[in-house]
C-alpha atoms as a PDB file:
ATOM      1  CA  MET A   1     -23.763 -23.049  -7.439  1.00  0.00           C
ATOM      2  CA  THR A   2     -20.128 -23.650  -8.339  1.00  0.00           C
ATOM      3  CA  THR A   3     -17.298 -22.094  -6.380  1.00  0.00           C
ATOM      4  CA  TRP A   4     -13.912 -21.775  -8.030  1.00  0.00           C
ATOM      5  CA  ILE A   5     -10.607 -22.176  -6.244  1.00  0.00           C
ATOM      6  CA  THR A   6      -7.869 -20.383  -8.156  1.00  0.00           C
ATOM      7  CA  VAL A   7      -4.421 -21.460  -7.002  1.00  0.00           C
ATOM      8  CA  CYS A   8      -1.304 -19.433  -7.727  1.00  0.00           C
ATOM      9  CA  ASP A   9       1.121 -22.002  -9.086  1.00  0.00           C
ATOM     10  CA  THR A  10       4.136 -19.674  -8.975  1.00  0.00           C
ATOM     11  CA  CYS A  11       3.992 -18.951  -5.224  1.00  0.00           C
ATOM     12  CA  LYS A  12       7.065 -19.670  -3.166  1.00  0.00           C
ATOM     13  CA  THR A  13       7.272 -19.695   0.612  1.00  0.00           C
ATOM     14  CA  GLU A  14      10.118 -17.793   2.279  1.00  0.00           C
ATOM     15  CA  ASP A  15      12.345 -20.858   2.551  1.00  0.00           C
ATOM     16  CA  TRP A  16      11.821 -22.095  -1.006  1.00  0.00           C
ATOM     17  CA  GLU A  17      15.151 -20.988  -2.486  1.00  0.00           C
ATOM     18  CA  ALA A  18      17.175 -22.315   0.434  1.00  0.00           C
ATOM     19  CA  SER A  19      15.288 -25.629   0.371  1.00  0.00           C
ATOM     20  CA  GLY A  20      16.659 -26.748  -2.983  1.00  0.00           C
ATOM     21  CA  ARG A  21      13.209 -27.872  -4.141  1.00  0.00           C
ATOM     22  CA  GLU A  22      12.647 -27.585  -7.872  1.00  0.00           C
ATOM     23  CA  GLN A  23       8.855 -27.571  -7.782  1.00  0.00           C
ATOM     24  CA  LYS A  24       7.391 -24.284  -6.596  1.00  0.00           C
ATOM     25  CA  ASP A  25       5.260 -24.398  -3.457  1.00  0.00           C
ATOM     26  CA  GLY A  26       2.258 -23.114  -5.396  1.00  0.00           C
ATOM     27  CA  GLU A  27       2.499 -26.059  -7.794  1.00  0.00           C
ATOM     28  CA  VAL A  28       2.539 -28.479  -4.884  1.00  0.00           C
ATOM     29  CA  LEU A  29      -0.458 -26.787  -3.255  1.00  0.00           C
ATOM     30  CA  ALA A  30      -2.321 -26.744  -6.588  1.00  0.00           C
ATOM     31  CA  GLU A  31      -1.840 -30.498  -7.008  1.00  0.00           C
ATOM     32  CA  LEU A  32      -3.076 -31.135  -3.469  1.00  0.00           C
ATOM     33  CA  VAL A  33      -6.117 -28.854  -3.854  1.00  0.00           C
ATOM     34  CA  GLU A  34      -6.973 -30.447  -7.213  1.00  0.00           C
ATOM     35  CA  ALA A  35      -6.818 -33.919  -5.660  1.00  0.00           C
ATOM     36  CA  CYS A  36      -9.012 -32.900  -2.699  1.00  0.00           C
ATOM     37  CA  ALA A  37     -11.604 -31.270  -4.977  1.00  0.00           C
ATOM     38  CA  SER A  38     -11.592 -33.905  -7.710  1.00  0.00           C
ATOM     39  CA  ASP A  39     -14.800 -35.653  -6.617  1.00  0.00           C
ATOM     40  CA  ARG A  40     -16.796 -32.507  -5.809  1.00  0.00           C
ATOM     41  CA  ALA A  41     -19.442 -31.169  -8.189  1.00  0.00           C
ATOM     42  CA  ASP A  42     -19.765 -27.843  -6.352  1.00  0.00           C
ATOM     43  CA  VAL A  43     -16.057 -26.919  -6.346  1.00  0.00           C
ATOM     44  CA  LYS A  44     -13.848 -26.434  -9.390  1.00  0.00           C
ATOM     45  CA  THR A  45     -10.153 -25.633  -9.508  1.00  0.00           C
ATOM     46  CA  ARG A  46      -7.870 -23.767 -11.834  1.00  0.00           C
ATOM     47  CA  ARG A  47      -4.310 -22.517 -11.761  1.00  0.00           C
ATOM     48  CA  VAL A  48      -2.967 -19.091 -12.538  1.00  0.00           C
ATOM     49  CA  SER A  49       0.618 -17.942 -12.673  1.00  0.00           C
ATOM     50  CA  CYS A  50       0.724 -15.123 -10.125  1.00  0.00           C
ATOM     51  CA  LEU A  51      -2.023 -13.698  -7.964  1.00  0.00           C
ATOM     52  CA  MET A  52       0.395 -10.874  -7.038  1.00  0.00           C
ATOM     53  CA  GLY A  53       0.381 -11.776  -3.356  1.00  0.00           C
ATOM     54  CA  CYS A  54       4.013 -12.759  -3.143  1.00  0.00           C
ATOM     55  CA  ASN A  55       4.387 -11.594   0.455  1.00  0.00           C
ATOM     56  CA  HIS A  56       1.502 -13.899   1.373  1.00  0.00           C
ATOM     57  CA  GLY A  57       2.450 -17.050  -0.615  1.00  0.00           C
ATOM     58  CA  CYS A  58       0.942 -19.611  -1.041  1.00  0.00           C
ATOM     59  CA  ASN A  59      -2.193 -17.842  -2.317  1.00  0.00           C
ATOM     60  CA  VAL A  60      -5.631 -18.940  -3.451  1.00  0.00           C
ATOM     61  CA  ALA A  61      -8.776 -17.098  -4.523  1.00  0.00           C
ATOM     62  CA  ILE A  62     -12.265 -18.370  -3.681  1.00  0.00           C
ATOM     63  CA  GLN A  63     -14.885 -17.081  -6.124  1.00  0.00           C
ATOM     64  CA  GLY A  64     -18.431 -17.750  -7.230  1.00  0.00           C
ATOM     65  CA  GLU A  65     -20.682 -15.855  -9.592  1.00  0.00           C
ATOM     66  CA  GLY A  66     -22.646 -13.151  -7.782  1.00  0.00           C
ATOM     67  CA  LYS A  67     -20.926 -13.868  -4.455  1.00  0.00           C
ATOM     68  CA  LEU A  68     -18.316 -12.349  -2.193  1.00  0.00           C
ATOM     69  CA  ALA A  69     -14.832 -13.420  -3.265  1.00  0.00           C
ATOM     70  CA  TYR A  70     -11.850 -14.004  -1.002  1.00  0.00           C
ATOM     71  CA  THR A  71      -8.090 -14.154  -1.310  1.00  0.00           C
ATOM     72  CA  LEU A  72      -6.350 -16.368   1.206  1.00  0.00           C
ATOM     73  CA  GLY A  73      -2.622 -16.761   1.665  1.00  0.00           C
ATOM     74  CA  ARG A  74       0.262 -17.833   3.862  1.00  0.00           C
ATOM     75  CA  PHE A  75      -0.455 -21.526   3.368  1.00  0.00           C
ATOM     76  CA  ASP A  76       2.117 -24.267   3.609  1.00  0.00           C
ATOM     77  CA  PRO A  77       1.888 -26.563   0.589  1.00  0.00           C
ATOM     78  CA  ALA A  78       0.453 -29.413   2.658  1.00  0.00           C
ATOM     79  CA  GLU A  79      -2.461 -31.849   2.585  1.00  0.00           C
ATOM     80  CA  GLU A  80      -4.073 -30.256   5.658  1.00  0.00           C
ATOM     81  CA  ALA A  81      -4.116 -26.832   3.995  1.00  0.00           C
ATOM     82  CA  ALA A  82      -5.575 -28.234   0.779  1.00  0.00           C
ATOM     83  CA  GLU A  83      -8.329 -30.043   2.669  1.00  0.00           C
ATOM     84  CA  ALA A  84      -9.260 -26.881   4.594  1.00  0.00           C
ATOM     85  CA  ILE A  85      -9.291 -24.773   1.416  1.00  0.00           C
ATOM     86  CA  VAL A  86     -11.606 -27.221  -0.350  1.00  0.00           C
ATOM     87  CA  GLU A  87     -13.835 -27.527   2.727  1.00  0.00           C
ATOM     88  CA  TYR A  88     -14.150 -23.736   2.926  1.00  0.00           C
ATOM     89  CA  ALA A  89     -14.876 -23.538  -0.822  1.00  0.00           C
ATOM     90  CA  ALA A  90     -17.687 -26.074  -0.409  1.00  0.00           C
ATOM     91  CA  LEU A  91     -19.205 -23.912   2.350  1.00  0.00           C
ATOM     92  CA  HIS A  92     -18.829 -20.886   0.069  1.00  0.00           C
ATOM     93  CA  ALA A  93     -20.672 -22.788  -2.669  1.00  0.00           C
ATOM     94  CA  GLU A  94     -23.542 -23.548  -0.268  1.00  0.00           C
ATOM     95  CA  SER A  95     -23.856 -19.912   0.805  1.00  0.00           C
ATOM     96  CA  LYS A  96     -26.156 -17.669  -1.200  1.00  0.00           C
ATOM     97  CA  SER A  97     -23.932 -14.610  -0.655  1.00  0.00           C
ATOM     98  CA  GLY A  98     -20.577 -16.370  -0.383  1.00  0.00           C
ATOM     99  CA  GLN A  99     -20.252 -15.354   3.247  1.00  0.00           C
ATOM    100  CA  VAL A 100     -19.571 -18.259   5.592  1.00  0.00           C
ATOM    101  CA  PRO A 101     -20.103 -17.715   9.333  1.00  0.00           C
ATOM    102  CA  PHE A 102     -16.825 -17.764  11.253  1.00  0.00           C
ATOM    103  CA  ARG A 103     -18.021 -20.628  13.463  1.00  0.00           C
ATOM    104  CA  GLN A 104     -18.204 -22.832  10.339  1.00  0.00           C
ATOM    105  CA  TRP A 105     -14.736 -22.032   9.015  1.00  0.00           C
ATOM    106  CA  PRO A 106     -12.377 -24.990   8.937  1.00  0.00           C
ATOM    107  CA  GLN A 107      -9.530 -24.430  11.398  1.00  0.00           C
ATOM    108  CA  GLY A 108      -7.035 -24.623   8.539  1.00  0.00           C
ATOM    109  CA  VAL A 109      -8.246 -21.383   6.902  1.00  0.00           C
ATOM    110  CA  LYS A 110      -8.438 -19.272  10.055  1.00  0.00           C
ATOM    111  CA  GLY A 111      -5.775 -16.578   9.947  1.00  0.00           C
ATOM    112  CA  HIS A 112      -5.267 -16.987   6.196  1.00  0.00           C
ATOM    113  CA  PHE A 113      -7.725 -14.410   4.847  1.00  0.00           C
ATOM    114  CA  VAL A 114      -6.011 -11.549   3.010  1.00  0.00           C
ATOM    115  CA  THR A 115      -8.824  -9.750   1.148  1.00  0.00           C
ATOM    116  CA  ARG A 116     -12.570  -9.851   0.525  1.00  0.00           C
ATOM    117  CA  HIS A 117     -14.135  -8.478  -2.659  1.00  0.00           C
ATOM    118  CA  PRO A 118     -17.787  -7.672  -3.254  1.00  0.00           C
ATOM    119  CA  PRO A 119     -19.435  -9.348  -6.219  1.00  0.00           C
ATOM    120  CA  LEU A 120     -19.467  -7.447  -9.478  1.00  0.00           C
ATOM    121  CA  PRO A 121     -22.688  -5.557 -10.197  1.00  0.00           C
ATOM    122  CA  THR A 122     -25.124  -7.389 -12.406  1.00  0.00           C
ATOM    123  CA  ASP A 123     -26.374  -4.185 -14.031  1.00  0.00           C
ATOM    124  CA  GLU A 124     -24.180  -1.503 -15.585  1.00  0.00           C
ATOM    125  CA  ALA A 125     -26.161   1.182 -13.708  1.00  0.00           C
ATOM    126  CA  GLU A 126     -25.374  -0.254 -10.255  1.00  0.00           C
END
């Protein structure tokens, strides 16, 4: 089943304004994540302008239909972070529930989890 990585492309790390960079950190991370996921059939990417986690920038959401969803943040816009995000998303895609055992987490996502959301009910009565 497909797992989606949603990357906030408006995120800025604390030093962004002082750095003089024109491109926002979220844009850089989005490009890196897209490149890392480009040859994967089980992981798709998309960008959104603002996940409302500004204090945790750079932010991503990991989601799959009928599965637990996660928001991760506090990433540096770097290749290592992008690789870990995509690796975790692939493990999420393999998992029936979306839960990945801690021992399988890539080192690069440890300490970056912000929230976990249960899947939406499949029946209005649930």
